[in-house]
Amino acid sequence: MSSDSPTSGFVAFVGAGPGDPNLLTLRAAELLAKADAVVLDAETQSSLLRHCREGVEIAEGDLVQRAARGQLVVRLCEGDPMLFSSITEEAAACAAAGVDFEIVPGVPPATAVLTYAGIPPATAVPEFRIVDASQEQDWAAHAACRGTLVVYNGIGDAVAIGKALIAGGKPDTTPVAVSSGGTTTEQYTVVSSLGRLQADLKHAGFTEPALIVVGEAVGQREKLSWFETKPLFGWRVLVPRTKEQSQSLSEQLIAYGAVPEEVPTISVEPPRTPQQMDRAIKGLVTGRYEWVAFTSANAVKAVREKFEEYGLDARAFAGLKVAAVGDATARALVEFGVKPDLLPSGEQSSEGLVAEWPPYDSMLDPINRVLLPRADISTDTLVAGLTELGWECDDVTAYRTVRAAPPPAPIREAIKGGGFDAVLFTSSSTVRNLVGIAGKPHNVTVIAVIGPQTAKTAEEFGLRVDVMADKPSASALAAAVAEFGAKQRQAALAAGDTPRRPSQNRRGARRRAK
C-alpha cells in the first residue's frame, strides 16, 4: 500500500506497542494524524489520541462499512498486530470486501518489556522462543529451549508452567522473571527460579498483561535494569500548577520515572480595570521607561496579549532594557522574541534581582523609570529595592490571581488519603490554595518546597517539610525530590528490603512480596 493518503476508504491496523506511548512508530503517528475514526481500547490507549486531529471520531462497529463510506479508519492493536492477535480475520474481511488496508507493525512486548526490565532478549545462546500459553503447548518441547523462552498470557498458570518445564528436563534453578505492566510506570518485575516460582509469586498480585521469561538472560537484570531503578519510578507526584505552567517540570519528573499530575490551584484572570495596563503599554512604546522587569511568565503573557491587542510585537521593546526574575520567565520572553538583559545569576527571586540591579546613574541613564507588570498580590520587595537604588517604579497590575475551583473528587480523596507519593509546592500561595480547595496532603506524602518562605507556610498549615530545593527553581525542586527518592531506595536495598513508594506505606495499601 502506498504511504500517500488514500483517496477512498481505508483501514489501518496499527500496532500500539507494549504500553509506553512513546514507543509508537512514526508511521502509526502519521496515520493517527490523518484518521477520520479510531477504534481503540479507551482504558489503555487513550493517550495515543494526542496524535489525532481535533474532532476525530472514537469509533465502534464495522470497519468495512466505515471504509466503504470513505473514512480512513485506524484500528489500534496492542503490541504488534500480527503477533498473537485476532486482526487477521478483520484484515481478511477487508480484503474480501475490496477495502484497502495496511498493517503497521508495533514494538512487540516480547522484546520491549524484557528491555525495560533489563533482560537482554538474546544472550550468548542465540535462541529466542515466544509462546502463547492460551493455546495448547508442549512444555516438554519448550523445556529444551537453550536460550530465552518468553510466555504470553500465562500468569494464571505460571506455577503449573514452571512445574511442566521442570518435568520436561529444565533445571529447577533456571532463572525466571515475571513482569507486568511492562514499559509503563506500573511495571513490576519479580525475579525467581523455576523451583521457587510458587513461593515468590504467592503475594505478588500479578495480573495480565504480564510476561514470563525463562532463561539465563534473566541473570543480567541485576546490572542492566535501568527503568524500574529510576529514582522516582512509579511515584505519583502532585504538581499544583496548570499544565501550561508545569510542562517542563512534568517532563523532568517523567524522566525520573514519576507520574506527574497537574492540579491548578490558581486561576489567572485579567485586571478588573484595564486602563492601568493600557497606559503602561502606551508609555512603553513612547519612551517613558528605561527598564521593564518581569517577575513571572504570566506577566510576560499579559503584556504579550496587550501587544497583540494593539497590533504590536517584540520590536516595541527596542531601546528598552528587560529584566527577568528567573529561567522560566526568561524562556517566556525568548519565546516572545525578547532576550533579557538582566537575569539573576544567584537566587532567582525579587531579592536576587535587586541584588544585581544597577543603581540609577543620571550620566548613563536618560530615564529613571521602571515598569513592573505584575500580579495583584505581589510583594513590595522589588519596588522597595529599586527605589533604594534610585529608580522610580510604575507597579502595574497586569493580571489577577484567584483561587482555582476544587479538583475532581478522586483527586481530593487521593490528596487526603495518601494516594500521592509527593507534592511539589512552588510558592506559598500553592500551599494555601491547595489546602483550601482540596485539603491537607496525607502524612505519608513527601512534602517538597521551593524555598524557606514556602517551607514556613507549609509548616504553618501543619505539614512536615521533607525536601527543599537548593535554589528557588522548579527544576532544582524536581532534582531534590529525585535525590530524596534515590536515597530512600538505596536505604531500603541496603537494609535488604524491597524499595517502596511513600503511598505504599499508608494503612491499607496493597503490599507486594519481596
Protein backbone atom coordinates (compact mmCIF):
# COMPACT_ATOMS: atom_id res chain seq x y z
CA MET A 1 0.00 0.00 0.00
CA SER A 2 1.35 3.45 -0.87
CA SER A 3 2.30 5.74 2.01
CA ASP A 4 0.34 8.54 0.30
CA SER A 5 -3.01 9.48 1.80
CA PRO A 6 -5.67 7.22 0.24
CA THR A 7 -8.35 8.76 -1.94
CA SER A 8 -11.11 6.41 -0.76
CA GLY A 9 -11.98 4.36 2.32
CA PHE A 10 -9.08 2.70 4.01
CA VAL A 11 -8.40 0.67 7.18
CA ALA A 12 -5.08 0.73 9.00
CA PHE A 13 -4.37 -1.96 11.60
CA VAL A 14 -1.80 -0.15 13.72
CA GLY A 15 0.42 -1.64 16.41
CA ALA A 16 0.10 0.45 19.57
CA GLY A 17 3.21 -1.07 21.12
CA PRO A 18 3.64 -2.60 24.56
CA GLY A 19 2.26 0.23 26.74
CA ASP A 20 4.68 3.17 26.72
CA PRO A 21 3.00 5.68 24.35
CA ASN A 22 6.45 6.97 23.32
CA LEU A 23 7.20 3.65 21.60
CA LEU A 24 4.63 4.31 18.87
CA THR A 25 6.17 4.16 15.37
CA LEU A 26 6.37 7.21 13.11
CA ARG A 27 4.05 5.57 10.57
CA ALA A 28 1.49 4.90 13.31
CA ALA A 29 1.57 8.55 14.42
CA GLU A 30 1.23 9.68 10.79
CA LEU A 31 -1.89 7.56 10.25
CA LEU A 32 -3.46 8.66 13.54
CA ALA A 33 -2.99 12.29 12.45
CA LYS A 34 -4.96 11.61 9.24
CA ALA A 35 -7.66 9.33 10.71
CA ASP A 36 -11.36 10.09 10.43
CA ALA A 37 -12.15 7.44 13.04
CA VAL A 38 -10.13 5.47 15.58
CA VAL A 39 -11.05 2.14 17.15
CA LEU A 40 -9.12 1.61 20.39
CA ASP A 41 -9.12 0.31 23.93
CA ALA A 42 -10.04 3.54 25.76
CA GLU A 43 -8.65 2.31 29.08
CA THR A 44 -5.11 1.60 27.87
CA GLN A 45 -4.68 3.52 24.60
CA SER A 46 -6.43 6.88 25.07
CA SER A 47 -3.09 8.71 25.48
CA LEU A 48 -2.37 7.97 21.80
CA LEU A 49 -5.26 10.23 20.77
CA ARG A 50 -2.91 13.19 21.20
CA HIS A 51 -1.65 12.35 17.70
CA CYS A 52 -5.14 12.74 16.21
CA ARG A 53 -6.69 15.84 14.72
CA GLU A 54 -9.43 17.66 16.58
CA GLY A 55 -12.84 16.12 16.08
CA VAL A 56 -11.66 12.59 15.27
CA GLU A 57 -14.41 10.04 15.90
CA ILE A 58 -13.84 7.41 18.58
CA ALA A 59 -15.45 4.54 16.76
CA GLU A 60 -17.02 1.17 17.30
CA GLY A 61 -18.67 -1.10 14.82
CA ASP A 62 -17.87 -2.45 11.40
CA LEU A 63 -14.56 -1.30 9.96
CA VAL A 64 -15.55 -2.37 6.45
CA GLN A 65 -18.74 -0.28 6.48
CA ARG A 66 -16.86 2.81 7.66
CA ALA A 67 -14.22 2.40 4.97
CA ALA A 68 -16.96 1.88 2.39
CA ARG A 69 -18.30 5.32 3.37
CA GLY A 70 -14.89 6.79 2.54
CA GLN A 71 -13.45 7.01 6.05
CA LEU A 72 -9.83 6.45 6.95
CA VAL A 73 -10.17 4.15 9.97
CA VAL A 74 -7.30 3.36 12.33
CA ARG A 75 -7.72 0.19 14.35
CA LEU A 76 -5.21 0.30 17.24
CA CYS A 77 -3.95 -3.11 18.30
CA GLU A 78 -1.99 -3.99 21.43
CA GLY A 79 1.68 -4.69 20.77
CA ASP A 80 2.32 -5.95 17.23
CA PRO A 81 -0.86 -6.64 15.20
CA MET A 82 0.50 -9.82 13.63
CA LEU A 83 1.79 -11.42 16.85
CA PHE A 84 -0.81 -13.41 18.82
CA SER A 85 -3.57 -11.14 17.53
CA SER A 86 -7.05 -11.71 16.15
CA ILE A 87 -6.84 -8.99 13.49
CA THR A 88 -6.07 -11.50 10.73
CA GLU A 89 -9.81 -12.20 10.48
CA GLU A 90 -10.64 -8.48 10.33
CA ALA A 91 -7.98 -7.88 7.68
CA ALA A 92 -9.32 -10.81 5.68
CA ALA A 93 -12.81 -9.29 5.86
CA CYS A 94 -11.43 -6.05 4.39
CA ALA A 95 -9.76 -7.98 1.58
CA ALA A 96 -12.96 -9.89 0.83
CA ALA A 97 -14.94 -6.63 0.64
CA GLY A 98 -12.35 -4.97 -1.61
CA VAL A 99 -11.40 -2.44 1.05
CA ASP A 100 -7.80 -1.23 1.04
CA PHE A 101 -5.94 -1.90 4.27
CA GLU A 102 -2.48 -1.61 5.77
CA ILE A 103 -0.90 -3.41 8.72
CA VAL A 104 1.60 -1.31 10.64
CA PRO A 105 3.94 -3.32 12.91
CA GLY A 106 4.27 -2.26 16.53
CA VAL A 107 7.04 -2.78 19.05
CA PRO A 108 6.27 -6.26 20.47
CA PRO A 109 6.11 -6.78 24.25
CA ALA A 110 8.31 -9.85 23.90
CA THR A 111 11.33 -7.64 23.28
CA ALA A 112 10.27 -4.28 24.73
CA VAL A 113 9.17 -5.49 28.17
CA LEU A 114 12.38 -7.51 28.54
CA THR A 115 14.46 -4.49 27.55
CA TYR A 116 12.63 -2.27 30.08
CA ALA A 117 13.20 -4.95 32.73
CA GLY A 118 16.93 -5.06 31.98
CA ILE A 119 16.81 -8.55 30.45
CA PRO A 120 18.54 -8.95 27.04
CA PRO A 121 16.22 -10.95 24.75
CA ALA A 122 19.14 -12.90 23.25
CA THR A 123 22.30 -13.87 25.09
CA ALA A 124 25.32 -16.00 24.20
CA VAL A 125 22.86 -18.72 23.22
CA PRO A 126 21.09 -17.22 20.18
CA GLU A 127 17.71 -18.88 20.68
CA PHE A 128 14.65 -16.78 21.41
CA ARG A 129 11.29 -18.53 21.62
CA ILE A 130 7.86 -16.89 22.16
CA VAL A 131 4.81 -18.97 23.06
CA ASP A 132 1.17 -18.16 23.81
CA ALA A 133 0.02 -20.03 26.92
CA SER A 134 -3.63 -19.50 25.98
CA GLN A 135 -3.05 -22.09 23.25
CA GLU A 136 -2.20 -25.72 23.94
CA GLN A 137 1.58 -26.09 24.32
CA ASP A 138 4.09 -28.94 24.51
CA TRP A 139 6.02 -27.72 27.56
CA ALA A 140 8.42 -30.65 27.38
CA ALA A 141 9.49 -29.42 23.94
CA HIS A 142 9.83 -25.86 25.25
CA ALA A 143 11.99 -27.14 28.13
CA ALA A 144 14.60 -27.95 25.51
CA CYS A 145 14.96 -24.26 24.62
CA ARG A 146 18.60 -23.41 25.45
CA GLY A 147 18.16 -19.65 25.10
CA THR A 148 15.32 -17.37 26.26
CA LEU A 149 11.72 -18.53 26.48
CA VAL A 150 9.03 -15.82 26.67
CA VAL A 151 5.48 -16.82 27.64
CA TYR A 152 2.46 -14.64 26.82
CA ASN A 153 -0.90 -14.99 28.60
CA GLY A 154 0.47 -17.39 31.20
CA ILE A 155 0.30 -15.53 34.51
CA GLY A 156 -2.70 -17.52 35.78
CA ASP A 157 -0.86 -20.80 35.13
CA ALA A 158 2.68 -19.62 35.91
CA VAL A 159 3.30 -22.14 38.68
CA ALA A 160 1.95 -25.02 36.57
CA ILE A 161 4.08 -23.89 33.61
CA GLY A 162 7.15 -23.85 35.85
CA LYS A 163 6.46 -27.39 37.06
CA ALA A 164 5.86 -28.58 33.48
CA LEU A 165 9.20 -27.14 32.34
CA ILE A 166 10.99 -28.86 35.25
CA ALA A 167 9.21 -32.12 34.40
CA GLY A 168 10.41 -31.63 30.81
CA GLY A 169 14.03 -31.53 31.96
CA LYS A 170 14.65 -27.87 32.77
CA PRO A 171 16.76 -27.48 35.98
CA ASP A 172 14.74 -26.08 38.88
CA THR A 173 17.50 -23.47 39.34
CA THR A 174 16.77 -21.93 35.93
CA PRO A 175 16.21 -18.16 36.38
CA VAL A 176 12.70 -16.83 35.80
CA ALA A 177 11.34 -13.29 35.72
CA VAL A 178 7.70 -12.29 35.73
CA SER A 179 6.89 -8.72 34.67
CA SER A 180 3.52 -6.99 34.49
CA GLY A 181 2.54 -3.51 33.31
CA GLY A 182 5.56 -3.65 31.02
CA THR A 183 7.15 -0.39 29.72
CA THR A 184 4.80 1.75 31.85
CA THR A 185 5.35 3.25 35.29
CA GLU A 186 3.21 0.41 36.61
CA GLN A 187 5.88 -2.10 35.55
CA TYR A 188 6.68 -4.58 38.31
CA THR A 189 9.13 -7.45 37.98
CA VAL A 190 9.83 -10.41 40.26
CA VAL A 191 12.96 -12.48 39.69
CA SER A 192 12.84 -16.09 40.82
CA SER A 193 13.73 -19.59 39.64
CA LEU A 194 11.56 -22.42 38.36
CA GLY A 195 11.82 -24.17 41.71
CA ARG A 196 10.89 -21.09 43.79
CA LEU A 197 8.25 -19.67 41.48
CA GLN A 198 5.26 -20.72 43.60
CA ALA A 199 6.63 -19.15 46.79
CA ASP A 200 7.81 -15.93 45.12
CA LEU A 201 4.55 -15.31 43.26
CA LYS A 202 2.25 -16.13 46.20
CA HIS A 203 1.68 -12.49 47.24
CA ALA A 204 2.86 -10.68 44.13
CA GLY A 205 -0.62 -9.80 42.89
CA PHE A 206 0.17 -10.13 39.18
CA THR A 207 -2.49 -9.55 36.54
CA GLU A 208 -2.42 -9.59 32.76
CA PRO A 209 -0.82 -8.22 30.70
CA ALA A 210 2.27 -9.94 32.05
CA LEU A 211 5.17 -11.89 30.61
CA ILE A 212 7.06 -14.88 31.98
CA VAL A 213 10.72 -15.00 30.94
CA VAL A 214 12.74 -18.19 31.41
CA GLY A 215 16.46 -18.49 30.82
CA GLU A 216 19.94 -17.41 31.84
CA ALA A 217 19.36 -13.93 30.33
CA VAL A 218 17.30 -13.11 33.45
CA GLY A 219 20.56 -13.06 35.40
CA GLN A 220 21.60 -9.91 33.53
CA ARG A 221 18.82 -7.87 35.15
CA GLU A 222 20.81 -7.01 38.26
CA LYS A 223 23.32 -4.98 36.24
CA LEU A 224 21.17 -3.91 33.26
CA SER A 225 17.97 -2.76 34.99
CA TRP A 226 17.52 0.93 34.05
CA PHE A 227 13.79 1.62 34.05
CA GLU A 228 12.49 0.33 37.38
CA THR A 229 15.58 1.73 39.12
CA LYS A 230 14.85 5.36 38.23
CA PRO A 231 14.83 7.49 41.42
CA LEU A 232 11.09 8.25 41.35
CA PHE A 233 9.94 5.16 39.46
CA GLY A 234 6.17 4.86 39.72
CA TRP A 235 5.81 7.80 42.13
CA ARG A 236 2.55 9.67 41.65
CA VAL A 237 3.56 13.31 42.05
CA LEU A 238 1.13 16.17 42.54
CA VAL A 239 2.14 19.37 40.77
CA PRO A 240 -0.15 22.20 41.93
CA ARG A 241 0.20 24.25 38.75
CA THR A 242 -1.55 24.41 35.39
CA LYS A 243 -0.36 22.21 32.51
CA GLU A 244 0.88 25.33 30.74
CA GLN A 245 3.00 26.37 33.74
CA SER A 246 4.28 22.91 34.60
CA GLN A 247 5.17 21.40 31.22
CA SER A 248 8.94 21.44 31.66
CA LEU A 249 8.63 20.41 35.31
CA SER A 250 6.40 17.46 34.42
CA GLU A 251 8.78 16.38 31.65
CA GLN A 252 11.64 16.42 34.16
CA LEU A 253 9.62 14.32 36.62
CA ILE A 254 8.76 11.81 33.89
CA ALA A 255 12.47 11.49 33.12
CA TYR A 256 12.95 10.47 36.78
CA GLY A 257 10.26 7.78 36.36
CA ALA A 258 7.43 9.66 38.08
CA VAL A 259 3.79 10.06 37.06
CA PRO A 260 3.09 13.81 37.40
CA GLU A 261 -0.45 15.04 37.83
CA GLU A 262 -1.11 18.76 37.41
CA VAL A 263 -3.75 20.29 39.66
CA PRO A 264 -4.21 24.06 39.16
CA THR A 265 -4.52 25.93 42.45
CA ILE A 266 -4.85 29.42 40.98
CA SER A 267 -6.69 30.85 38.04
CA VAL A 268 -5.13 33.78 36.17
CA GLU A 269 -7.59 36.49 35.15
CA PRO A 270 -7.29 39.97 33.59
CA PRO A 271 -7.23 43.02 35.89
CA ARG A 272 -10.63 44.34 36.90
CA THR A 273 -9.92 47.63 35.13
CA PRO A 274 -7.69 47.58 32.03
CA GLN A 275 -6.87 51.31 31.96
CA GLN A 276 -3.68 50.99 34.05
CA MET A 277 -2.21 48.38 31.66
CA ASP A 278 -3.33 50.42 28.65
CA ARG A 279 -1.40 53.45 29.96
CA ALA A 280 1.64 51.28 30.72
CA ILE A 281 1.78 49.85 27.19
CA LYS A 282 1.42 53.34 25.74
CA GLY A 283 4.27 54.54 27.97
CA LEU A 284 6.39 51.58 26.98
CA VAL A 285 6.20 52.41 23.26
CA THR A 286 6.56 56.19 23.74
CA GLY A 287 9.81 56.03 25.71
CA ARG A 288 8.56 56.54 29.27
CA TYR A 289 10.67 53.67 30.67
CA GLU A 290 14.35 52.71 30.82
CA TRP A 291 13.63 49.19 32.15
CA VAL A 292 10.81 46.64 32.13
CA ALA A 293 11.05 43.96 34.83
CA PHE A 294 9.13 40.68 34.52
CA THR A 295 8.64 38.61 37.67
CA SER A 296 6.64 35.74 36.14
CA ALA A 297 5.78 34.04 32.87
CA ASN A 298 2.17 35.15 33.48
CA ALA A 299 3.31 38.78 33.39
CA VAL A 300 5.04 38.14 30.04
CA LYS A 301 1.82 36.56 28.74
CA ALA A 302 -0.28 39.51 29.93
CA VAL A 303 1.97 42.06 28.19
CA ARG A 304 2.15 39.91 25.06
CA GLU A 305 -1.64 39.73 24.86
CA LYS A 306 -1.87 43.53 25.24
CA PHE A 307 0.69 43.93 22.46
CA GLU A 308 -1.37 41.70 20.17
CA GLU A 309 -4.48 43.69 21.06
CA TYR A 310 -2.72 46.86 19.83
CA GLY A 311 -1.09 45.21 16.80
CA LEU A 312 2.39 45.40 18.36
CA ASP A 313 5.15 42.79 18.55
CA ALA A 314 8.52 42.32 20.25
CA ARG A 315 10.03 45.17 18.20
CA ALA A 316 8.30 47.59 20.61
CA PHE A 317 10.97 46.65 23.18
CA ALA A 318 13.70 48.26 21.02
CA GLY A 319 15.80 50.60 23.14
CA LEU A 320 14.44 49.21 26.41
CA LYS A 321 16.33 47.12 28.94
CA VAL A 322 14.48 43.99 30.04
CA ALA A 323 14.93 42.04 33.29
CA ALA A 324 13.59 38.56 34.15
CA VAL A 325 13.37 37.16 37.66
CA GLY A 326 14.26 33.59 36.66
CA ASP A 327 14.73 30.98 33.98
CA ALA A 328 11.03 30.23 33.36
CA THR A 329 10.27 33.94 32.90
CA ALA A 330 13.31 34.31 30.63
CA ARG A 331 12.08 31.39 28.47
CA ALA A 332 8.67 33.07 28.10
CA LEU A 333 10.42 36.28 26.96
CA VAL A 334 12.61 34.46 24.46
CA GLU A 335 9.51 32.75 23.01
CA PHE A 336 8.07 36.27 22.63
CA GLY A 337 11.24 37.31 20.77
CA VAL A 338 12.85 39.29 23.61
CA LYS A 339 16.23 38.42 25.10
CA PRO A 340 16.53 39.59 28.75
CA ASP A 341 19.37 41.97 29.57
CA LEU A 342 19.37 41.01 33.25
CA LEU A 343 18.81 37.60 34.84
CA PRO A 344 19.91 36.83 38.41
CA SER A 345 22.98 34.59 38.47
CA GLY A 346 22.23 33.56 42.06
CA GLU A 347 18.87 33.40 43.81
CA GLN A 348 16.01 33.62 41.33
CA SER A 349 13.67 35.88 43.28
CA SER A 350 12.85 39.55 43.73
CA GLU A 351 15.70 39.76 46.24
CA GLY A 352 18.09 38.13 43.76
CA LEU A 353 17.02 40.55 41.04
CA VAL A 354 17.54 43.60 43.26
CA ALA A 355 20.96 42.30 44.33
CA GLU A 356 22.19 42.51 40.72
CA TRP A 357 20.21 45.55 39.54
CA PRO A 358 22.45 48.54 38.69
CA PRO A 359 21.82 51.75 40.65
CA TYR A 360 20.38 54.71 38.77
CA ASP A 361 23.11 56.86 37.24
CA SER A 362 21.95 60.17 35.75
CA MET A 363 25.03 60.24 33.50
CA LEU A 364 24.31 56.80 31.99
CA ASP A 365 20.54 56.50 32.22
CA PRO A 366 18.46 59.10 30.35
CA ILE A 367 15.28 57.90 32.11
CA ASN A 368 14.96 56.73 35.71
CA ARG A 369 11.66 54.88 35.46
CA VAL A 370 10.98 51.12 35.61
CA LEU A 371 7.79 49.34 34.52
CA LEU A 372 6.76 46.40 36.71
CA PRO A 373 3.79 44.49 35.18
CA ARG A 374 2.88 42.06 37.97
CA ALA A 375 0.18 40.11 39.78
CA ASP A 376 -2.27 41.85 42.06
CA ILE A 377 -0.82 40.01 45.09
CA SER A 378 2.86 40.81 44.52
CA THR A 379 5.02 41.83 47.47
CA ASP A 380 6.74 45.23 47.78
CA THR A 381 10.26 43.77 47.95
CA LEU A 382 11.18 44.63 44.37
CA VAL A 383 9.68 48.13 44.44
CA ALA A 384 11.41 48.93 47.72
CA GLY A 385 14.75 47.65 46.48
CA LEU A 386 14.63 49.54 43.18
CA THR A 387 13.51 52.75 44.91
CA GLU A 388 16.52 52.48 47.22
CA LEU A 389 18.74 52.19 44.11
CA GLY A 390 17.33 55.50 42.83
CA TRP A 391 14.72 54.21 40.36
CA GLU A 392 11.09 55.23 40.12
CA CYS A 393 8.67 52.32 39.64
CA ASP A 394 5.31 52.06 37.91
CA ASP A 395 3.92 48.98 39.68
CA VAL A 396 1.10 47.91 37.37
CA THR A 397 -1.43 45.10 37.87
CA ALA A 398 -1.06 43.01 34.72
CA TYR A 399 -3.20 40.10 35.92
CA ARG A 400 -5.12 38.85 38.93
CA THR A 401 -4.71 35.51 40.64
CA VAL A 402 -7.77 33.87 42.15
CA ARG A 403 -8.17 30.52 43.81
CA ALA A 404 -8.98 27.75 41.32
CA ALA A 405 -12.04 25.54 41.54
CA PRO A 406 -11.62 22.35 43.61
CA PRO A 407 -10.23 19.36 41.66
CA PRO A 408 -12.46 16.31 40.99
CA ALA A 409 -13.42 14.15 43.98
CA PRO A 410 -10.96 11.29 43.17
CA ILE A 411 -8.06 13.79 43.23
CA ARG A 412 -9.21 15.27 46.54
CA GLU A 413 -9.52 11.79 48.03
CA ALA A 414 -6.05 10.85 46.78
CA ILE A 415 -4.56 14.02 48.31
CA LYS A 416 -6.12 13.46 51.72
CA GLY A 417 -5.90 9.66 51.65
CA GLY A 418 -2.23 9.24 50.74
CA GLY A 419 -2.70 8.35 47.09
CA PHE A 420 0.10 10.72 46.07
CA ASP A 421 3.72 9.91 46.82
CA ALA A 422 4.88 13.53 46.75
CA VAL A 423 3.59 17.06 46.27
CA LEU A 424 5.76 19.86 44.91
CA PHE A 425 4.98 23.33 46.27
CA THR A 426 6.49 26.10 44.15
CA SER A 427 5.22 29.04 46.22
CA SER A 428 3.44 29.87 49.45
CA SER A 429 0.24 30.55 47.51
CA THR A 430 0.25 27.00 46.11
CA VAL A 431 0.31 25.69 49.70
CA ARG A 432 -2.54 27.91 50.84
CA ASN A 433 -4.65 27.33 47.76
CA LEU A 434 -4.17 23.54 47.58
CA VAL A 435 -5.16 23.12 51.23
CA GLY A 436 -8.07 25.48 50.61
CA ILE A 437 -9.50 23.66 47.59
CA ALA A 438 -8.55 20.05 48.35
CA GLY A 439 -7.42 19.64 51.97
CA LYS A 440 -4.09 18.76 53.57
CA PRO A 441 -1.92 16.06 51.97
CA HIS A 442 -1.71 12.78 53.92
CA ASN A 443 1.24 12.39 56.30
CA VAL A 444 2.85 9.66 54.15
CA THR A 445 3.12 12.09 51.23
CA VAL A 446 6.56 13.62 50.73
CA ILE A 447 6.26 17.42 51.01
CA ALA A 448 8.75 19.25 48.78
CA VAL A 449 9.10 23.05 48.75
CA ILE A 450 10.94 25.52 46.55
CA GLY A 451 12.43 27.64 49.37
CA PRO A 452 12.38 28.77 53.02
CA GLN A 453 9.31 31.02 52.72
CA THR A 454 7.27 28.22 51.16
CA ALA A 455 8.55 25.85 53.87
CA LYS A 456 7.39 28.28 56.56
CA THR A 457 3.91 28.46 55.02
CA ALA A 458 3.71 24.66 54.76
CA GLU A 459 4.66 24.29 58.42
CA GLU A 460 2.05 26.88 59.40
CA PHE A 461 -0.52 24.54 57.86
CA GLY A 462 0.83 21.62 59.87
CA LEU A 463 2.75 19.97 57.04
CA ARG A 464 6.09 18.23 57.58
CA VAL A 465 8.62 19.50 55.04
CA ASP A 466 10.77 16.64 53.74
CA VAL A 467 12.60 18.24 50.80
CA MET A 468 13.74 21.78 49.99
CA ALA A 469 15.35 22.86 46.72
CA ASP A 470 18.93 24.13 46.99
CA LYS A 471 17.93 27.10 44.84
CA PRO A 472 14.47 28.55 44.15
CA SER A 473 13.66 27.00 40.78
CA ALA A 474 11.16 24.32 39.77
CA SER A 475 13.93 22.33 38.09
CA ALA A 476 16.03 22.33 41.26
CA LEU A 477 12.95 21.25 43.24
CA ALA A 478 12.34 18.25 40.97
CA ALA A 479 16.03 17.31 41.20
CA ALA A 480 15.90 17.50 45.00
CA VAL A 481 12.88 15.16 45.11
CA ALA A 482 14.68 12.73 42.78
CA GLU A 483 17.72 12.77 45.08
CA PHE A 484 15.43 12.11 48.07
CA GLY A 485 13.81 9.18 46.23
CA ALA A 486 17.20 7.73 45.25
CA LYS A 487 18.39 7.84 48.87
CA GLN A 488 15.19 6.16 50.07
CA ARG A 489 15.68 3.41 47.51
CA GLN A 490 19.33 2.89 48.41
CA ALA A 491 18.49 2.72 52.11
CA ALA A 492 15.84 0.06 51.52
CA LEU A 493 18.20 -2.06 49.40
CA ALA A 494 21.00 -1.70 51.98
CA ALA A 495 18.59 -2.99 54.64
CA GLY A 496 17.64 -5.94 52.45
CA ASP A 497 14.14 -4.62 51.83
CA THR A 498 12.20 -4.08 48.63
CA PRO A 499 12.03 -0.34 47.79
CA ARG A 500 8.54 1.02 48.37
CA ARG A 501 6.84 4.21 47.27
CA PRO A 502 5.63 6.50 50.08
CA SER A 503 1.99 5.82 49.18
CA GLN A 504 2.58 2.09 49.79
CA ASN A 505 3.33 2.87 53.43
CA ARG A 506 -0.14 4.11 54.27
CA ARG A 507 -2.52 1.87 56.14
CA GLY A 508 -4.40 -0.46 53.82
CA ALA A 509 -2.03 -0.07 50.87
CA ARG A 510 -1.51 -3.33 48.98
CA ARG A 511 1.77 -4.96 49.92
CA ARG A 512 3.78 -6.99 47.49
CA ALA A 513 6.15 -9.74 48.48
CA LYS A 514 9.91 -9.17 48.37
